[in-house]
């Protein structure tokens, strides 16, 4: 997993998947 992206991107991706 890449930890370079900001947490916002991760949250957005998680929500987008749902």
N, C-alpha and C. Protein backbone atom coordinates (compact mmCIF):
# COMPACT_ATOMS: atom_id res chain seq x y z
N UNK A 1 0.85 -1.21 0.00
CA UNK A 1 0.00 0.00 0.00
C UNK A 1 0.88 1.25 0.00
N UNK A 2 0.43 2.27 -0.70
CA UNK A 2 1.23 3.51 -0.78
C UNK A 2 0.77 4.48 0.30
N UNK A 3 1.70 4.91 1.12
CA UNK A 3 1.35 5.85 2.19
C UNK A 3 1.74 7.27 1.81
N UNK A 4 1.97 7.50 0.51
CA UNK A 4 2.35 8.85 0.08
C UNK A 4 1.12 9.72 -0.12
N UNK A 5 0.03 9.10 -0.55
CA UNK A 5 -1.19 9.89 -0.78
C UNK A 5 -1.78 10.34 0.55
N UNK A 6 -2.49 11.45 0.54
CA UNK A 6 -3.11 11.98 1.77
C UNK A 6 -4.26 11.10 2.24
N UNK A 7 -4.58 11.19 3.51
CA UNK A 7 -5.66 10.36 4.06
C UNK A 7 -6.96 10.64 3.33
N UNK A 8 -7.15 11.88 2.89
CA UNK A 8 -8.40 12.23 2.19
C UNK A 8 -8.62 11.32 1.00
N UNK A 9 -7.56 11.07 0.24
CA UNK A 9 -7.71 10.21 -0.95
C UNK A 9 -8.13 8.81 -0.53
N UNK A 10 -7.54 8.31 0.54
CA UNK A 10 -7.87 6.95 0.99
C UNK A 10 -9.34 6.89 1.41
N UNK A 11 -9.78 7.90 2.17
CA UNK A 11 -11.18 7.90 2.62
C UNK A 11 -12.10 7.98 1.42
N UNK A 12 -11.76 8.83 0.46
CA UNK A 12 -12.60 8.97 -0.73
C UNK A 12 -12.66 7.65 -1.49
N UNK A 13 -11.53 7.00 -1.62
CA UNK A 13 -11.49 5.73 -2.35
C UNK A 13 -12.33 4.68 -1.62
N UNK A 14 -12.20 4.63 -0.31
CA UNK A 14 -12.97 3.65 0.48
C UNK A 14 -14.46 3.89 0.28
N UNK A 15 -14.87 5.15 0.32
CA UNK A 15 -16.29 5.46 0.17
C UNK A 15 -16.73 5.19 -1.26
N UNK A 16 -15.87 5.46 -2.20
CA UNK A 16 -16.23 5.25 -3.61
C UNK A 16 -16.47 3.75 -3.84
N UNK A 17 -15.66 2.91 -3.18
CA UNK A 17 -15.84 1.47 -3.36
C UNK A 17 -17.19 1.06 -2.82
N UNK A 18 -17.58 1.60 -1.68
CA UNK A 18 -18.88 1.26 -1.09
C UNK A 18 -19.99 1.88 -1.92
